[in-house]
Amino acid sequence: MNARWPLVLAPALWLAACSTPASDMSTSTALRPPTAAKEPHDLTTHGHTRRDEYFWMRLSEAQRSATKPDAHTQKVVAHLEAENSYTDSMMAPVRGLREALFKEMKARVKEDDLSVPYRENGYWYSFRFEKGKEYSVHMRRADTQDAPETDILNENVMAEGHDFFDLGDFEIAPGNNLCAYSVDTVGRRLYTIRFRDLTTGQDLPDVVPNTSGGGAWADDRTFFYAVKDSTLRDHKILRHVLGTDPSTDVEVFHEADPAYSCDVARSRSDRFVMIATGSTMSTEELLLPVDRPMGPSPCSSRAKRNMSTARSTFLASSISSPTGTRRTSD
């Protein structure tokens, strides 16, 4: 019986193929894909010159994030829109199938869902998804009996008016009344950090642009964060004090080696701000006591970076350990 199935299916598949409307087939064959213009542009690196005929399609970070696109940006966008239009036209014969598959897959997803809560510094944190919404709502409640649940960040509201939105990270200050959060509305992994007063739900005037998204509080006024270089490598750690101009933020660490990237976080013991820098074969942790956020800038010798290392360095010379060592979980 099974051997006869191919003979039965073959005519059916042939008939299904022939059932495609002639207009769709003729439209597909008549279309021609858009052709990008070739504009020679020479790039010289390490004494070697190469020609990139499509260099004109690159946009600067300023152009990507500009509210009003300039002529160059409009030219690039016009070509991309032409490519999208061509793709839509070529895929028109299966538009119904695509929609049916989307609905089928979406029907298998629980739209109104809730995460498992986690406890941190006297509060339970969680997030939920609401039916018909694209993003999550972050909330918390005090670790006391019958404490009410409060929304702290509603990504659906924050995403309004943006074609792209990504919440990078959020960190709660030690006093539990301030929240530092980062968002990217362009899609280049360059995040803007803002600070929210959780007692009022309002953002403070401080706005820190072009960061890596993460950060760490030392106290309720001092926040450390990482910034990227032109290759999007996290290469510097800066310190921001609430109420001051972000353009005057102090650089506390600079990773000049392009093989390394750096990051900053608060230790699990809540005793240190930890600056981590690492590559494939080497990692290094620099520790700054949270009660001395204005301590000296870190420095360390890198003579043996070609070897596998893992070590910790204290940034404040007056801090010492009774045993001479610290667990990395500090």
Protein backbone atom coordinates (compact mmCIF):
# COMPACT_ATOMS: atom_id res chain seq x y z
CA MET A 1 0.00 0.00 0.00
CA ASN A 2 2.76 2.44 0.90
CA ALA A 3 4.48 1.98 -2.45
CA ARG A 4 1.48 3.46 -4.25
CA TRP A 5 1.52 6.78 -2.36
CA PRO A 6 4.19 8.46 -4.56
CA LEU A 7 2.08 7.72 -7.65
CA VAL A 8 -0.95 9.31 -6.03
CA LEU A 9 0.90 12.35 -4.67
CA ALA A 10 2.82 13.21 -7.82
CA PRO A 11 -0.24 14.28 -9.89
CA ALA A 12 -1.60 16.18 -6.86
CA LEU A 13 1.60 18.15 -6.44
CA TRP A 14 1.69 18.85 -10.17
CA LEU A 15 -1.87 20.13 -10.11
CA ALA A 16 -1.14 22.30 -7.06
CA ALA A 17 1.82 23.87 -8.86
CA CYS A 18 -0.28 24.53 -11.94
CA SER A 19 -2.99 26.15 -9.82
CA THR A 20 -0.79 29.19 -9.14
CA PRO A 21 -2.50 32.19 -10.79
CA ALA A 22 -0.93 33.11 -14.11
CA SER A 23 -0.87 36.77 -13.11
CA ASP A 24 1.29 35.98 -10.07
CA MET A 25 3.76 33.98 -12.16
CA SER A 26 4.00 36.64 -14.85
CA THR A 27 4.47 39.36 -12.23
CA SER A 28 7.30 37.42 -10.58
CA THR A 29 9.14 36.76 -13.83
CA ALA A 30 8.73 40.33 -15.05
CA LEU A 31 10.19 41.91 -11.93
CA ARG A 32 13.85 42.80 -11.76
CA PRO A 33 15.71 43.25 -8.47
CA PRO A 34 16.94 46.77 -7.71
CA THR A 35 20.61 47.33 -8.47
CA ALA A 36 22.73 49.34 -6.08
CA ALA A 37 24.83 52.05 -7.66
CA LYS A 38 28.59 51.56 -7.69
CA GLU A 39 30.52 54.52 -6.32
CA PRO A 40 34.25 53.77 -5.94
CA HIS A 41 35.69 54.64 -2.53
CA ASP A 42 39.29 53.80 -1.59
CA LEU A 43 40.16 52.71 1.96
CA THR A 44 43.78 52.47 3.07
CA THR A 45 44.72 50.40 6.13
CA HIS A 46 48.19 49.09 7.10
CA GLY A 47 49.58 50.40 3.83
CA HIS A 48 47.07 48.41 1.78
CA THR A 49 44.42 50.14 -0.33
CA ARG A 50 41.16 48.43 -1.20
CA ARG A 51 38.20 49.74 -3.15
CA ASP A 52 34.67 49.53 -1.77
CA GLU A 53 32.09 50.41 -4.41
CA TYR A 54 29.24 50.26 -1.90
CA PHE A 55 30.79 52.34 0.85
CA TRP A 56 28.12 54.98 0.21
CA MET A 57 25.56 52.70 1.88
CA ARG A 58 27.22 53.11 5.28
CA LEU A 59 25.65 55.55 7.71
CA SER A 60 27.33 57.19 10.68
CA GLU A 61 25.92 56.81 14.20
CA ALA A 62 24.71 60.41 14.01
CA GLN A 63 22.87 59.70 10.76
CA ARG A 64 21.28 56.54 12.18
CA SER A 65 19.92 58.30 15.23
CA ALA A 66 18.97 61.63 13.57
CA THR A 67 15.34 62.66 13.87
CA LYS A 68 15.33 64.17 10.37
CA PRO A 69 17.30 62.16 7.76
CA ASP A 70 19.75 64.02 5.53
CA ALA A 71 20.03 63.52 1.74
CA HIS A 72 22.58 60.72 2.08
CA THR A 73 20.40 58.81 4.54
CA GLN A 74 17.36 59.24 2.29
CA LYS A 75 19.32 57.77 -0.64
CA VAL A 76 20.30 54.67 1.36
CA VAL A 77 16.80 54.21 2.77
CA ALA A 78 15.28 54.55 -0.71
CA HIS A 79 17.40 51.66 -1.98
CA LEU A 80 16.54 49.48 1.02
CA GLU A 81 12.85 50.20 0.55
CA ALA A 82 13.16 49.21 -3.12
CA GLU A 83 14.71 45.89 -2.07
CA ASN A 84 11.91 45.30 0.44
CA SER A 85 9.29 46.11 -2.19
CA TYR A 86 10.90 43.65 -4.61
CA THR A 87 10.94 40.95 -1.93
CA ASP A 88 7.26 41.54 -1.11
CA SER A 89 6.34 41.27 -4.78
CA MET A 90 8.30 38.06 -5.29
CA MET A 91 6.75 36.50 -2.18
CA ALA A 92 3.21 37.61 -3.04
CA PRO A 93 2.12 34.13 -4.26
CA VAL A 94 2.72 32.69 -0.76
CA ARG A 95 1.43 35.63 1.26
CA GLY A 96 -1.59 33.65 2.43
CA LEU A 97 0.60 30.74 3.52
CA ARG A 98 2.91 33.04 5.46
CA GLU A 99 -0.02 34.57 7.32
CA ALA A 100 -1.46 31.14 8.09
CA LEU A 101 1.87 29.91 9.47
CA PHE A 102 2.26 33.03 11.60
CA LYS A 103 -1.20 32.62 13.11
CA GLU A 104 -0.57 28.93 13.79
CA MET A 105 2.72 29.59 15.56
CA LYS A 106 1.32 32.54 17.49
CA ALA A 107 -1.59 30.40 18.69
CA ARG A 108 0.91 28.12 20.42
CA VAL A 109 2.43 30.98 22.46
CA LYS A 110 0.94 31.95 25.80
CA GLU A 111 0.48 35.68 25.38
CA ASP A 112 -0.37 36.54 28.98
CA ASP A 113 2.53 35.03 30.90
CA LEU A 114 4.35 35.68 34.16
CA SER A 115 7.99 35.08 35.11
CA VAL A 116 9.24 33.40 38.26
CA PRO A 117 9.99 36.14 40.85
CA TYR A 118 13.44 36.61 42.37
CA ARG A 119 14.34 38.33 45.64
CA GLU A 120 16.82 41.20 45.87
CA ASN A 121 17.47 43.61 48.73
CA GLY A 122 14.09 43.22 50.38
CA TYR A 123 11.94 43.12 47.22
CA TRP A 124 10.55 40.46 44.90
CA TYR A 125 11.04 41.27 41.20
CA SER A 126 9.29 39.72 38.20
CA PHE A 127 7.89 40.61 34.79
CA ARG A 128 4.72 39.80 32.91
CA PHE A 129 3.46 39.76 29.33
CA GLU A 130 -0.01 41.03 28.52
CA LYS A 131 -2.20 39.69 25.71
CA GLY A 132 -1.77 41.62 22.49
CA LYS A 133 1.33 43.47 23.72
CA GLU A 134 4.85 43.10 22.31
CA TYR A 135 6.96 43.85 25.38
CA SER A 136 7.14 42.95 29.05
CA VAL A 137 6.14 44.90 32.15
CA HIS A 138 8.63 44.81 35.03
CA MET A 139 7.24 44.93 38.54
CA ARG A 140 8.15 44.41 42.18
CA ARG A 141 6.65 44.11 45.65
CA ALA A 142 8.17 44.45 49.10
CA ASP A 143 9.04 41.24 50.92
CA THR A 144 6.30 41.76 53.49
CA GLN A 145 2.92 40.19 53.96
CA ASP A 146 0.18 41.53 51.65
CA ALA A 147 2.56 44.07 50.06
CA PRO A 148 1.11 45.50 46.82
CA GLU A 149 2.77 44.89 43.46
CA THR A 150 4.02 47.96 41.59
CA ASP A 151 4.99 48.38 37.94
CA ILE A 152 8.43 49.94 37.65
CA LEU A 153 9.13 49.73 33.88
CA ASN A 154 6.46 49.19 31.23
CA GLU A 155 8.30 48.46 28.01
CA ASN A 156 5.11 48.76 25.95
CA VAL A 157 4.70 52.40 27.01
CA MET A 158 8.41 53.11 26.60
CA ALA A 159 8.39 51.66 23.05
CA GLU A 160 5.59 53.91 21.83
CA GLY A 161 6.63 56.07 18.89
CA HIS A 162 9.72 53.98 18.09
CA ASP A 163 10.19 51.58 15.16
CA PHE A 164 12.72 49.66 17.28
CA PHE A 165 12.99 49.29 21.04
CA ASP A 166 15.22 47.26 23.34
CA LEU A 167 15.54 47.53 27.10
CA GLY A 168 19.18 46.74 27.75
CA ASP A 169 19.30 46.46 31.53
CA PHE A 170 18.02 48.02 34.72
CA GLU A 171 19.69 48.31 38.11
CA ILE A 172 18.10 49.31 41.42
CA ALA A 173 20.05 51.63 43.71
CA PRO A 174 20.95 50.36 47.22
CA GLY A 175 18.24 52.52 48.80
CA ASN A 176 15.59 50.85 46.58
CA ASN A 177 14.11 54.19 45.44
CA LEU A 178 16.06 54.78 42.21
CA CYS A 179 16.28 52.71 39.03
CA ALA A 180 18.91 53.13 36.31
CA TYR A 181 17.73 51.67 33.01
CA SER A 182 19.05 51.68 29.45
CA VAL A 183 17.24 51.67 26.10
CA ASP A 184 18.23 51.38 22.45
CA THR A 185 15.76 52.77 19.91
CA VAL A 186 18.02 52.48 16.84
CA GLY A 187 19.27 48.89 16.87
CA ARG A 188 23.00 49.57 17.09
CA ARG A 189 23.50 48.29 20.67
CA LEU A 190 24.24 51.84 21.82
CA TYR A 191 22.09 52.43 24.88
CA THR A 192 20.94 55.61 26.57
CA ILE A 193 20.84 55.39 30.37
CA ARG A 194 18.12 57.18 32.33
CA PHE A 195 17.31 57.29 36.02
CA ARG A 196 13.80 56.84 37.44
CA ASP A 197 12.54 57.85 40.86
CA LEU A 198 10.48 54.82 41.88
CA THR A 199 8.58 56.77 44.53
CA THR A 200 7.06 59.07 41.87
CA GLY A 201 7.50 57.04 38.70
CA GLN A 202 9.18 60.03 37.03
CA ASP A 203 12.56 60.13 35.29
CA LEU A 204 15.30 62.42 36.56
CA PRO A 205 16.88 64.99 34.19
CA ASP A 206 20.10 62.95 33.89
CA VAL A 207 20.49 61.30 30.45
CA VAL A 208 23.68 59.39 29.57
CA PRO A 209 23.94 58.51 25.84
CA ASN A 210 26.02 56.00 23.84
CA THR A 211 26.69 53.41 26.56
CA SER A 212 26.98 49.64 26.50
CA GLY A 213 23.74 49.33 28.48
CA GLY A 214 24.91 47.90 31.79
CA GLY A 215 26.16 49.53 34.94
CA ALA A 216 26.49 49.43 38.71
CA TRP A 217 25.48 51.64 41.62
CA ALA A 218 28.05 52.38 44.30
CA ASP A 219 25.55 54.35 46.39
CA ASP A 220 22.34 56.28 45.76
CA ARG A 221 24.20 59.06 43.92
CA THR A 222 27.06 57.38 42.08
CA PHE A 223 26.64 55.14 39.03
CA PHE A 224 29.36 53.43 36.97
CA TYR A 225 28.86 52.41 33.33
CA ALA A 226 30.75 51.30 30.21
CA VAL A 227 31.04 53.06 26.85
CA LYS A 228 32.00 51.72 23.43
CA ASP A 229 34.61 52.73 20.88
CA SER A 230 34.05 53.04 17.12
CA THR A 231 34.10 49.24 16.75
CA LEU A 232 31.42 48.85 19.47
CA ARG A 233 33.97 47.37 21.91
CA ASP A 234 33.40 48.22 25.57
CA HIS A 235 36.61 50.09 26.26
CA LYS A 236 36.01 52.61 29.08
CA ILE A 237 34.31 52.74 32.46
CA LEU A 238 32.95 56.14 33.51
CA ARG A 239 31.46 57.44 36.75
CA HIS A 240 28.30 59.54 36.83
CA VAL A 241 27.05 61.48 39.84
CA LEU A 242 23.35 62.27 39.80
CA GLY A 243 22.60 65.92 39.16
CA THR A 244 25.80 66.56 37.19
CA ASP A 245 26.31 67.01 33.44
CA PRO A 246 27.06 63.57 31.85
CA SER A 247 29.61 65.24 29.56
CA THR A 248 31.76 65.79 32.67
CA ASP A 249 31.60 62.15 33.84
CA VAL A 250 34.97 60.92 35.06
CA GLU A 251 36.83 58.12 33.28
CA VAL A 252 37.92 55.59 35.91
CA PHE A 253 39.24 52.85 33.63
CA HIS A 254 40.40 52.63 30.02
CA GLU A 255 41.05 49.31 28.29
CA ALA A 256 43.42 50.34 25.50
CA ASP A 257 44.14 46.81 24.28
CA PRO A 258 41.75 46.11 21.36
CA ALA A 259 41.78 42.40 22.22
CA TYR A 260 40.04 43.12 25.53
CA SER A 261 36.60 44.36 26.54
CA CYS A 262 35.57 45.70 29.93
CA ASP A 263 32.41 45.72 32.00
CA VAL A 264 31.25 46.86 35.43
CA ALA A 265 28.94 45.28 38.02
CA ARG A 266 28.20 45.31 41.73
CA SER A 267 29.48 42.31 43.71
CA ARG A 268 27.07 39.81 45.23
CA SER A 269 28.24 40.85 48.69
CA ASP A 270 27.31 44.48 47.87
CA ARG A 271 30.74 45.54 49.13
CA PHE A 272 32.43 46.35 45.83
CA VAL A 273 31.97 47.79 42.38
CA MET A 274 33.80 45.31 40.13
CA ILE A 275 35.44 46.35 36.86
CA ALA A 276 36.13 43.28 34.73
CA THR A 277 38.31 43.24 31.65
CA GLY A 278 39.00 40.13 29.66
CA SER A 279 39.99 38.44 26.45
CA THR A 280 40.09 34.84 25.27
CA MET A 281 42.98 33.80 27.53
CA SER A 282 42.99 36.38 30.31
CA THR A 283 40.58 37.99 32.74
CA GLU A 284 41.12 40.61 35.40
CA GLU A 285 38.89 42.01 38.16
CA LEU A 286 39.45 45.43 39.72
CA LEU A 287 37.55 46.14 42.93
CA LEU A 288 36.40 49.48 44.28
CA PRO A 289 34.74 49.59 47.74
CA VAL A 290 31.20 50.97 47.41
CA ASP A 291 31.75 53.30 50.38
CA ARG A 292 34.62 55.00 48.48
CA PRO A 293 33.24 55.55 44.96
CA MET A 294 35.57 58.50 44.40
CA GLY A 295 38.60 56.29 45.06
CA PRO A 296 41.72 56.28 42.85
CA SER A 297 41.50 55.24 39.23
CA PRO A 298 42.60 51.63 38.67
CA CYS A 299 45.90 50.67 37.19
CA SER A 300 47.46 47.27 36.63
CA SER A 301 50.48 45.73 34.95
CA ARG A 302 49.83 43.76 31.78
CA ALA A 303 53.24 42.26 31.15
CA LYS A 304 51.99 38.68 30.90
CA ARG A 305 48.76 39.07 28.99
CA ASN A 306 49.77 36.33 26.57
CA MET A 307 49.31 33.84 29.41
CA SER A 308 46.11 32.57 30.95
CA THR A 309 45.46 34.67 34.06
CA ALA A 310 42.66 35.41 36.48
CA ARG A 311 43.36 37.89 39.26
CA SER A 312 41.82 40.63 41.34
CA THR A 313 43.24 44.08 42.13
CA PHE A 314 42.02 46.49 44.78
CA LEU A 315 41.63 50.08 43.66
CA ALA A 316 41.92 51.63 47.11
CA SER A 317 45.41 51.14 48.52
CA SER A 318 44.14 51.28 52.10
CA ILE A 319 41.97 48.16 51.63
CA SER A 320 43.56 44.85 52.51
CA SER A 321 42.39 41.31 53.13
CA PRO A 322 43.32 39.41 56.31
CA THR A 323 44.21 36.37 54.23
CA GLY A 324 45.66 38.28 51.30
CA THR A 325 43.05 36.90 48.90
CA ARG A 326 39.42 37.41 48.06
CA ARG A 327 36.84 35.04 46.67
CA THR A 328 35.52 36.16 43.28
CA SER A 329 31.99 35.96 44.72
CA ASP A 330 32.73 39.04 46.82
